[in-house]
């Protein structure tokens, strides 16, 4: 059940209420603000609702990403929204087959980059929770090494649609890693303390999204009604603490499963949990779901539950999860983005060169569910790499006549001296 309950948080992260955090300025050393002087564009002052085709594509993306991650032998928790927004920022630097592959992975290759941008901005601005017992925030940032020149149009687009803060650091300085990870820790209220383990010389750019959710239940569980019970894991039975409650609740049934929908203090957010009717293997059950209808059906069930008397027992739990999504996303259609010789991220570079590819997509999540409520967080980092190491030295090409020699360094005597004016290969 833990594995399935972890899935429940996905729906918390799909129609998010969003509050955008700025970048932290109290870092060990202050990074250079690349957005200084870049003002908000005049394009599309009004924020329109997301294209229904993007919403449908997102549903397919969410289920497919979940399925591709199922091989992990541990509690699974992903934030499709966090991964989608991080890839959405990156998509603005992609062109040609690379962009097509990324759109395929995001659910629909017939969509355009502008469709993803507009939907992302709508998601980022559509809802802000005003309930004092509910906090939800999202933050986007792009970090560049000072030796790399980004495209101003790429920066402008990510500012306009993703409210992305952009900073330039000296990635060779050990403090740069601390600055980036501190920003992630601050954005996730300390639940995710680190997203990037190292900054390599061939990694000139990191694009990061964070999502944070904290809310009390609309009706809290009584701690006195928490008891130890048996939980039947695939590896054997364990004893763990179960929260219990009896009352009128939102009972949901469909997709060959039944479960519960529990509202938070801000009633637009709901925690749900489902179990297969026959209590069969949860992974096999997920594999049988249809991408075109699964999440849509869950959304309908949660929005239109049956109110009935329920005697509910559900485990308290706290879990963390982390994974590299390279294999998952490659198998979802964006393989070119990870291949140096094929990737086209020319729209990221000020010079329009194809000198970048995605080296890794790191995803980390956290969740705590107890009698009071739920805290959950996600961070996704897209780490760009250079197709070849940048060269900052002197280039010499001996393509005119030159003088040469062979010297004995001990005596200082030249053994041979010569000129080459008409070189001939031996």
Protein backbone atom coordinates (compact mmCIF):
# COMPACT_ATOMS: atom_id res chain seq x y z
CA UNK A 1 0.00 0.00 0.00
CA UNK A 2 2.93 2.37 0.68
CA UNK A 3 3.87 2.23 -2.96
CA UNK A 4 0.31 3.11 -3.98
CA UNK A 5 -0.17 5.77 -1.34
CA UNK A 6 2.97 7.43 -2.68
CA UNK A 7 1.18 7.59 -6.03
CA UNK A 8 -1.62 9.50 -4.37
CA UNK A 9 0.49 12.59 -3.99
CA UNK A 10 0.77 12.85 -7.78
CA UNK A 11 -2.70 14.31 -7.95
CA UNK A 12 -1.72 16.87 -5.35
CA UNK A 13 0.93 18.09 -7.72
CA UNK A 14 -1.08 18.20 -10.96
CA UNK A 15 -3.54 21.10 -10.48
CA UNK A 16 -1.17 22.94 -8.18
CA UNK A 17 -1.81 26.17 -6.40
CA UNK A 18 1.38 27.98 -7.11
CA UNK A 19 3.35 30.69 -5.47
CA UNK A 20 6.65 31.58 -7.08
CA UNK A 21 9.63 32.07 -4.82
CA UNK A 22 12.52 34.33 -5.74
CA UNK A 23 16.12 33.26 -5.62
CA UNK A 24 17.88 33.54 -2.29
CA UNK A 25 20.45 36.32 -1.99
CA UNK A 26 22.07 35.28 1.31
CA UNK A 27 24.41 32.80 -0.34
CA UNK A 28 28.09 32.34 0.59
CA UNK A 29 28.96 34.53 -2.36
CA UNK A 30 26.53 36.43 -4.50
CA UNK A 31 26.02 35.07 -8.02
CA UNK A 32 25.74 37.40 -10.98
CA UNK A 33 22.11 38.05 -11.93
CA UNK A 34 21.85 37.36 -15.65
CA UNK A 35 18.30 38.69 -15.72
CA UNK A 36 19.44 42.18 -14.77
CA UNK A 37 18.47 44.41 -17.65
CA UNK A 38 16.15 41.79 -19.13
CA UNK A 39 12.61 43.03 -18.62
CA UNK A 40 9.33 41.23 -18.95
CA UNK A 41 8.29 40.84 -22.54
CA UNK A 42 5.14 42.45 -23.84
CA UNK A 43 3.96 39.20 -25.40
CA UNK A 44 0.68 37.79 -24.13
CA UNK A 45 -0.11 40.03 -21.21
CA UNK A 46 -3.22 38.00 -20.34
CA UNK A 47 -2.83 34.46 -19.05
CA UNK A 48 -5.12 32.08 -20.89
CA UNK A 49 -6.15 28.65 -19.68
CA UNK A 50 -4.00 25.76 -20.84
CA UNK A 51 -4.75 24.19 -24.20
CA UNK A 52 -6.86 21.06 -23.49
CA UNK A 53 -4.44 19.13 -25.71
CA UNK A 54 -1.62 20.01 -23.30
CA UNK A 55 -3.69 18.87 -20.33
CA UNK A 56 -4.38 15.55 -22.05
CA UNK A 57 -0.70 15.19 -22.95
CA UNK A 58 0.25 15.91 -19.33
CA UNK A 59 -1.99 13.09 -18.14
CA UNK A 60 -0.28 10.66 -20.54
CA UNK A 61 3.15 11.95 -19.51
CA UNK A 62 2.36 11.52 -15.79
CA UNK A 63 1.24 7.89 -16.11
CA UNK A 64 4.04 6.94 -18.51
CA UNK A 65 6.70 8.47 -16.24
CA UNK A 66 5.20 6.59 -13.31
CA UNK A 67 5.21 3.31 -15.23
CA UNK A 68 8.78 3.74 -16.43
CA UNK A 69 9.85 4.27 -12.82
CA UNK A 70 8.18 1.13 -11.47
CA UNK A 71 11.24 -1.08 -11.69
CA UNK A 72 12.65 0.61 -8.61
CA UNK A 73 12.58 -1.74 -5.60
CA UNK A 74 11.60 0.97 -3.13
CA UNK A 75 8.78 3.35 -2.31
CA UNK A 76 8.06 5.36 -5.43
CA UNK A 77 7.15 9.04 -5.41
CA UNK A 78 7.40 11.28 -8.45
CA UNK A 79 6.20 14.79 -9.18
CA UNK A 80 5.14 14.85 -12.83
CA UNK A 81 4.64 18.60 -12.58
CA UNK A 82 8.17 19.25 -11.35
CA UNK A 83 9.72 17.10 -14.09
CA UNK A 84 7.42 18.64 -16.73
CA UNK A 85 8.33 22.22 -15.76
CA UNK A 86 12.06 21.48 -15.64
CA UNK A 87 11.88 19.89 -19.09
CA UNK A 88 9.65 22.73 -20.30
CA UNK A 89 12.35 25.28 -19.49
CA UNK A 90 14.94 23.09 -21.22
CA UNK A 91 12.67 22.64 -24.25
CA UNK A 92 13.00 26.35 -25.03
CA UNK A 93 16.62 25.72 -25.93
CA UNK A 94 15.89 22.71 -28.13
CA UNK A 95 15.36 22.63 -31.87
CA UNK A 96 14.72 20.09 -34.64
CA UNK A 97 14.54 16.41 -33.80
CA UNK A 98 15.63 17.12 -30.21
CA UNK A 99 12.60 19.33 -29.61
CA UNK A 100 10.34 16.80 -31.34
CA UNK A 101 11.63 14.03 -29.09
CA UNK A 102 11.11 16.11 -25.96
CA UNK A 103 7.54 16.94 -27.01
CA UNK A 104 6.98 13.23 -27.61
CA UNK A 105 8.16 12.47 -24.08
CA UNK A 106 5.92 15.25 -22.75
CA UNK A 107 2.92 13.47 -24.18
CA UNK A 108 2.23 14.78 -27.69
CA UNK A 109 4.70 15.53 -30.51
CA UNK A 110 2.00 17.50 -32.34
CA UNK A 111 2.19 20.22 -29.69
CA UNK A 112 4.49 23.19 -30.15
CA UNK A 113 6.97 24.69 -27.70
CA UNK A 114 4.66 27.67 -27.34
CA UNK A 115 1.83 25.34 -26.21
CA UNK A 116 4.02 24.04 -23.40
CA UNK A 117 5.12 27.56 -22.46
CA UNK A 118 1.58 28.93 -22.30
CA UNK A 119 0.31 25.98 -20.27
CA UNK A 120 3.23 26.24 -17.86
CA UNK A 121 2.58 29.91 -17.25
CA UNK A 122 -1.09 29.18 -16.65
CA UNK A 123 -0.24 26.45 -14.13
CA UNK A 124 2.23 28.77 -12.41
CA UNK A 125 -0.25 31.63 -12.07
CA UNK A 126 -3.71 30.10 -11.96
CA UNK A 127 -4.10 29.32 -8.27
CA UNK A 128 -2.63 30.63 -5.03
CA UNK A 129 -3.87 29.13 -1.79
CA UNK A 130 -5.17 31.71 0.67
CA UNK A 131 -5.84 29.13 3.38
CA UNK A 132 -3.55 29.79 6.35
CA UNK A 133 -3.08 26.08 6.99
CA UNK A 134 -1.99 25.33 3.42
CA UNK A 135 1.29 26.31 1.76
CA UNK A 136 2.16 25.47 -1.80
CA UNK A 137 5.04 26.96 -3.75
CA UNK A 138 6.97 26.43 -6.92
CA UNK A 139 10.30 27.88 -7.99
CA UNK A 140 12.30 27.72 -11.22
CA UNK A 141 15.94 28.66 -11.65
CA UNK A 142 18.66 28.42 -14.27
CA UNK A 143 22.34 28.46 -13.30
CA UNK A 144 25.17 29.16 -15.76
CA UNK A 145 28.90 28.85 -15.49
CA UNK A 146 30.51 32.25 -16.04
CA UNK A 147 32.45 30.90 -19.01
CA UNK A 148 29.27 30.08 -20.95
CA UNK A 149 27.31 32.67 -22.96
CA UNK A 150 23.53 32.04 -22.91
CA UNK A 151 21.04 33.22 -25.48
CA UNK A 152 19.16 36.29 -24.24
CA UNK A 153 16.02 35.10 -26.02
CA UNK A 154 16.26 31.80 -24.13
CA UNK A 155 16.52 33.72 -20.86
CA UNK A 156 13.67 36.05 -21.82
CA UNK A 157 11.35 33.19 -22.67
CA UNK A 158 12.00 31.39 -19.40
CA UNK A 159 11.46 34.62 -17.48
CA UNK A 160 8.17 35.30 -19.28
CA UNK A 161 6.64 31.85 -18.98
CA UNK A 162 8.36 30.13 -16.05
CA UNK A 163 9.26 33.15 -13.86
CA UNK A 164 12.72 31.62 -13.80
CA UNK A 165 15.50 33.31 -11.91
CA UNK A 166 18.83 33.07 -13.69
CA UNK A 167 22.24 33.34 -12.06
CA UNK A 168 25.81 33.09 -13.32
CA UNK A 169 28.39 31.44 -11.06
CA UNK A 170 31.98 30.32 -11.26
CA UNK A 171 31.34 26.58 -11.38
CA UNK A 172 35.05 25.98 -10.69
CA UNK A 173 34.58 27.54 -7.25
CA UNK A 174 33.53 25.01 -4.60
CA UNK A 175 31.08 27.57 -3.22
CA UNK A 176 28.95 27.45 -6.38
CA UNK A 177 27.64 23.99 -5.52
CA UNK A 178 26.70 25.21 -2.05
CA UNK A 179 24.81 28.17 -3.51
CA UNK A 180 22.72 25.98 -5.83
CA UNK A 181 21.92 23.36 -3.21
CA UNK A 182 21.08 26.01 -0.60
CA UNK A 183 18.56 27.48 -3.03
CA UNK A 184 16.94 24.05 -3.39
CA UNK A 185 16.92 23.49 0.38
CA UNK A 186 15.34 26.91 0.97
CA UNK A 187 12.72 26.37 -1.74
CA UNK A 188 11.70 22.98 -0.25
CA UNK A 189 11.84 24.14 3.40
CA UNK A 190 14.78 21.87 4.11
CA UNK A 191 13.06 18.66 3.01
CA UNK A 192 15.43 18.26 0.04
CA UNK A 193 18.87 19.46 1.06
CA UNK A 194 20.82 18.67 -2.09
CA UNK A 195 20.00 18.08 -5.76
CA UNK A 196 23.41 18.43 -7.45
CA UNK A 197 26.31 16.36 -6.14
CA UNK A 198 29.05 18.02 -8.21
CA UNK A 199 29.65 20.58 -10.93
CA UNK A 200 31.90 19.13 -13.60
CA UNK A 201 33.97 21.28 -15.99
CA UNK A 202 31.84 20.09 -18.92
CA UNK A 203 28.53 21.02 -17.22
CA UNK A 204 27.98 24.72 -17.89
CA UNK A 205 24.27 24.89 -17.08
CA UNK A 206 21.77 23.48 -14.56
CA UNK A 207 17.99 24.05 -14.83
CA UNK A 208 16.02 23.37 -11.63
CA UNK A 209 12.39 23.20 -10.60
CA UNK A 210 11.12 22.74 -7.04
CA UNK A 211 7.62 22.07 -5.74
CA UNK A 212 6.63 22.29 -2.07
CA UNK A 213 3.30 21.36 -0.43
CA UNK A 214 2.28 21.59 3.24
CA UNK A 215 -1.28 21.35 4.51
CA UNK A 216 -3.34 20.21 7.46
CA UNK A 217 -6.22 17.82 6.92
CA UNK A 218 -9.67 19.41 6.85
CA UNK A 219 -10.46 16.92 9.62
CA UNK A 220 -7.42 15.75 11.52
CA UNK A 221 -6.89 12.19 12.71
CA UNK A 222 -6.90 11.78 16.48
CA UNK A 223 -3.47 10.59 17.68
CA UNK A 224 -5.23 8.44 20.29
CA UNK A 225 -6.76 6.48 17.42
CA UNK A 226 -3.40 5.50 15.95
CA UNK A 227 -2.63 1.82 16.46
CA UNK A 228 -0.10 -0.72 15.26
CA UNK A 229 -1.43 -3.05 12.59
CA UNK A 230 -0.02 -5.49 10.06
CA UNK A 231 0.93 -4.20 6.62
CA UNK A 232 1.46 -6.86 3.96
CA UNK A 233 4.47 -5.90 1.86
CA UNK A 234 5.65 -7.84 -1.22
CA UNK A 235 8.63 -8.95 0.85
CA UNK A 236 6.66 -10.04 3.92
CA UNK A 237 4.45 -8.78 6.74
CA UNK A 238 5.46 -5.83 8.91
CA UNK A 239 3.89 -4.02 11.86
CA UNK A 240 3.45 -0.27 11.53
CA UNK A 241 1.34 2.60 12.90
CA UNK A 242 -2.07 3.12 11.28
CA UNK A 243 -4.14 6.28 11.66
CA UNK A 244 -7.85 5.55 12.14
CA UNK A 245 -11.07 7.49 11.72
CA UNK A 246 -14.78 6.67 11.45
CA UNK A 247 -17.20 9.07 9.79
CA UNK A 248 -18.77 10.33 6.59
CA UNK A 249 -16.06 10.43 3.96
CA UNK A 250 -15.55 10.62 0.21
CA UNK A 251 -15.47 7.01 -0.95
CA UNK A 252 -14.22 6.55 -4.52
CA UNK A 253 -14.56 3.55 -6.81
CA UNK A 254 -13.47 2.95 -10.40
CA UNK A 255 -10.61 1.68 -12.57
CA UNK A 256 -11.08 -1.73 -10.86
CA UNK A 257 -10.15 -0.18 -7.54
CA UNK A 258 -11.66 1.47 -4.47
CA UNK A 259 -10.36 4.05 -2.08
CA UNK A 260 -10.70 7.32 -0.24
CA UNK A 261 -10.39 11.03 -1.00
CA UNK A 262 -9.43 13.19 1.99
CA UNK A 263 -9.64 16.98 1.69
CA UNK A 264 -7.02 19.31 3.10
CA UNK A 265 -7.65 22.58 4.93
CA UNK A 266 -7.80 24.25 1.55
CA UNK A 267 -10.51 22.02 0.12
CA UNK A 268 -9.30 22.34 -3.46
CA UNK A 269 -6.47 19.97 -2.51
CA UNK A 270 -7.27 16.35 -1.88
CA UNK A 271 -5.22 13.33 -0.88
CA UNK A 272 -6.42 10.11 -2.46
CA UNK A 273 -5.46 6.47 -2.11
CA UNK A 274 -6.67 3.50 -4.17
CA UNK A 275 -6.32 -0.28 -3.83
CA UNK A 276 -7.11 -2.78 -6.60
CA UNK A 277 -10.44 -4.54 -5.99
CA UNK A 278 -8.80 -7.96 -5.90
CA UNK A 279 -5.79 -6.67 -3.90
CA UNK A 280 -3.59 -7.84 -6.78
CA UNK A 281 -0.04 -6.71 -7.48
CA UNK A 282 -0.15 -2.91 -7.59
CA UNK A 283 2.47 -2.67 -10.34
CA UNK A 284 0.59 -5.08 -12.56
CA UNK A 285 -2.60 -3.11 -11.93
CA UNK A 286 -0.88 0.13 -12.97
CA UNK A 287 0.49 -1.48 -16.14
CA UNK A 288 -3.08 -2.34 -17.16
CA UNK A 289 -4.33 1.26 -16.95
CA UNK A 290 -5.04 3.14 -20.18
CA UNK A 291 -2.97 6.35 -20.57
CA UNK A 292 -5.77 8.22 -22.34
CA UNK A 293 -8.23 7.84 -19.47
CA UNK A 294 -6.54 6.79 -16.23
CA UNK A 295 -5.71 10.13 -14.61
CA UNK A 296 -8.78 11.76 -16.11
CA UNK A 297 -10.94 9.08 -14.48
CA UNK A 298 -9.21 9.59 -11.14
CA UNK A 299 -9.80 13.32 -11.43
CA UNK A 300 -13.50 12.65 -12.03
CA UNK A 301 -13.72 10.20 -9.11
CA UNK A 302 -12.05 12.62 -6.72
CA UNK A 303 -14.27 15.50 -7.85
CA UNK A 304 -17.49 13.46 -7.64
CA UNK A 305 -17.10 11.00 -4.75
CA UNK A 306 -19.78 9.04 -2.96
CA UNK A 307 -20.22 10.34 0.59
CA UNK A 308 -20.71 7.41 2.93
CA UNK A 309 -19.81 6.11 6.36
CA UNK A 310 -16.26 4.78 6.30
CA UNK A 311 -14.15 3.10 8.95
CA UNK A 312 -10.74 4.17 7.67
CA UNK A 313 -7.30 2.94 8.67
CA UNK A 314 -4.27 4.12 6.75
CA UNK A 315 -0.56 3.99 7.63
CA UNK A 316 1.41 6.98 8.78
CA UNK A 317 4.49 7.21 6.63
CA UNK A 318 7.51 9.26 5.69
CA UNK A 319 9.50 8.50 2.56
CA UNK A 320 12.17 9.90 0.29
CA UNK A 321 12.88 8.96 -3.30
CA UNK A 322 15.55 9.86 -5.82
CA UNK A 323 16.39 8.71 -9.31
CA UNK A 324 18.09 9.67 -12.53
CA UNK A 325 15.39 9.90 -15.19
CA UNK A 326 17.68 9.47 -18.21
CA UNK A 327 16.54 5.91 -18.98
CA UNK A 328 12.88 6.66 -18.38
CA UNK A 329 12.81 9.78 -20.54
CA UNK A 330 14.91 8.19 -23.26
CA UNK A 331 12.42 5.36 -23.55
CA UNK A 332 9.59 7.93 -23.67
CA UNK A 333 10.95 9.46 -26.87
CA UNK A 334 13.62 12.06 -26.08
CA UNK A 335 16.71 9.91 -26.64
CA UNK A 336 18.39 12.48 -28.90
CA UNK A 337 18.53 15.01 -26.07
CA UNK A 338 20.98 12.75 -24.18
CA UNK A 339 23.30 11.99 -27.12
CA UNK A 340 26.07 14.52 -27.64
CA UNK A 341 26.37 13.91 -31.38
CA UNK A 342 22.62 14.28 -32.00
CA UNK A 343 21.33 16.81 -29.48
CA UNK A 344 20.35 20.24 -30.76
CA UNK A 345 20.13 22.84 -27.98
CA UNK A 346 21.37 25.62 -30.23
CA UNK A 347 18.69 28.02 -28.92
CA UNK A 348 20.39 28.07 -25.51
CA UNK A 349 23.66 29.43 -26.84
CA UNK A 350 24.29 33.08 -27.65
CA UNK A 351 26.23 31.88 -30.70
CA UNK A 352 23.54 29.39 -31.78
CA UNK A 353 26.00 26.50 -31.60
CA UNK A 354 25.05 22.87 -30.98
CA UNK A 355 27.46 22.54 -28.08
CA UNK A 356 25.12 21.19 -25.36
CA UNK A 357 23.27 17.99 -24.53
CA UNK A 358 21.46 16.78 -21.41
CA UNK A 359 23.87 14.89 -19.20
CA UNK A 360 21.37 13.96 -16.49
CA UNK A 361 17.89 14.63 -15.14
CA UNK A 362 17.92 14.20 -11.37
CA UNK A 363 14.62 13.89 -9.52
CA UNK A 364 14.22 13.88 -5.74
CA UNK A 365 11.04 13.79 -3.67
CA UNK A 366 9.95 13.75 -0.02
CA UNK A 367 6.62 13.04 1.72
CA UNK A 368 5.36 12.85 5.29
CA UNK A 369 1.77 11.83 6.08
CA UNK A 370 0.63 11.90 9.71
CA UNK A 371 -2.37 12.71 11.88
CA UNK A 372 -2.09 16.46 11.27
CA UNK A 373 -1.64 16.53 7.50
CA UNK A 374 0.88 16.17 4.70
CA UNK A 375 4.21 17.69 3.74
CA UNK A 376 5.63 16.90 0.31
CA UNK A 377 8.38 18.31 -1.85
CA UNK A 378 10.06 17.66 -5.18
CA UNK A 379 13.13 18.93 -6.97
CA UNK A 380 14.16 18.25 -10.56
CA UNK A 381 17.50 19.27 -12.02
CA UNK A 382 18.35 19.13 -15.73
CA UNK A 383 22.15 19.15 -16.01
CA UNK A 384 23.46 20.29 -19.37
CA UNK A 385 26.85 19.16 -20.65
CA UNK A 386 29.16 20.43 -23.36
CA UNK A 387 29.50 18.23 -26.43
CA UNK A 388 33.24 18.83 -26.09
CA UNK A 389 35.34 20.54 -23.48
CA UNK A 390 35.53 24.29 -23.89
CA UNK A 391 39.09 25.45 -24.71
CA UNK A 392 40.32 28.70 -23.17
CA UNK A 393 43.98 28.56 -24.22
CA UNK A 394 45.94 29.76 -27.26
CA UNK A 395 45.37 28.09 -30.62
CA UNK A 396 48.40 27.69 -32.90
CA UNK A 397 48.24 26.35 -36.45
CA UNK A 398 51.62 26.08 -38.22
CA UNK A 399 50.26 26.71 -41.69
CA UNK A 400 53.07 29.09 -42.85
CA UNK A 401 56.84 28.49 -43.07
CA UNK A 402 58.41 27.92 -39.68
CA UNK A 403 61.74 27.37 -37.96
CA UNK A 404 62.42 24.24 -35.94
CA UNK A 405 65.16 22.34 -34.19
CA UNK A 406 66.22 19.55 -31.83
CA UNK A 407 68.11 20.54 -28.70
CA UNK A 408 70.10 18.76 -26.01
CA UNK A 409 68.62 20.33 -22.90
CA UNK A 410 71.49 19.20 -20.68
CA UNK A 411 74.20 20.94 -22.63
CA UNK A 412 71.98 23.44 -24.35
CA UNK A 413 73.38 22.47 -27.70
CA UNK A 414 71.11 22.42 -30.75
CA UNK A 415 71.46 19.08 -32.44
CA UNK A 416 69.39 20.11 -35.44
CA UNK A 417 68.03 23.38 -36.71
CA UNK A 418 65.90 23.90 -39.75
CA UNK A 419 63.21 25.62 -41.69
CA UNK A 420 60.08 24.16 -43.22
CA UNK A 421 58.78 26.02 -46.21
CA UNK A 422 57.48 23.11 -48.31
CA UNK A 423 56.38 20.36 -45.91
CA UNK A 424 56.02 16.85 -47.33
CA UNK A 425 54.54 13.91 -45.46
CA UNK A 426 57.00 10.99 -44.90
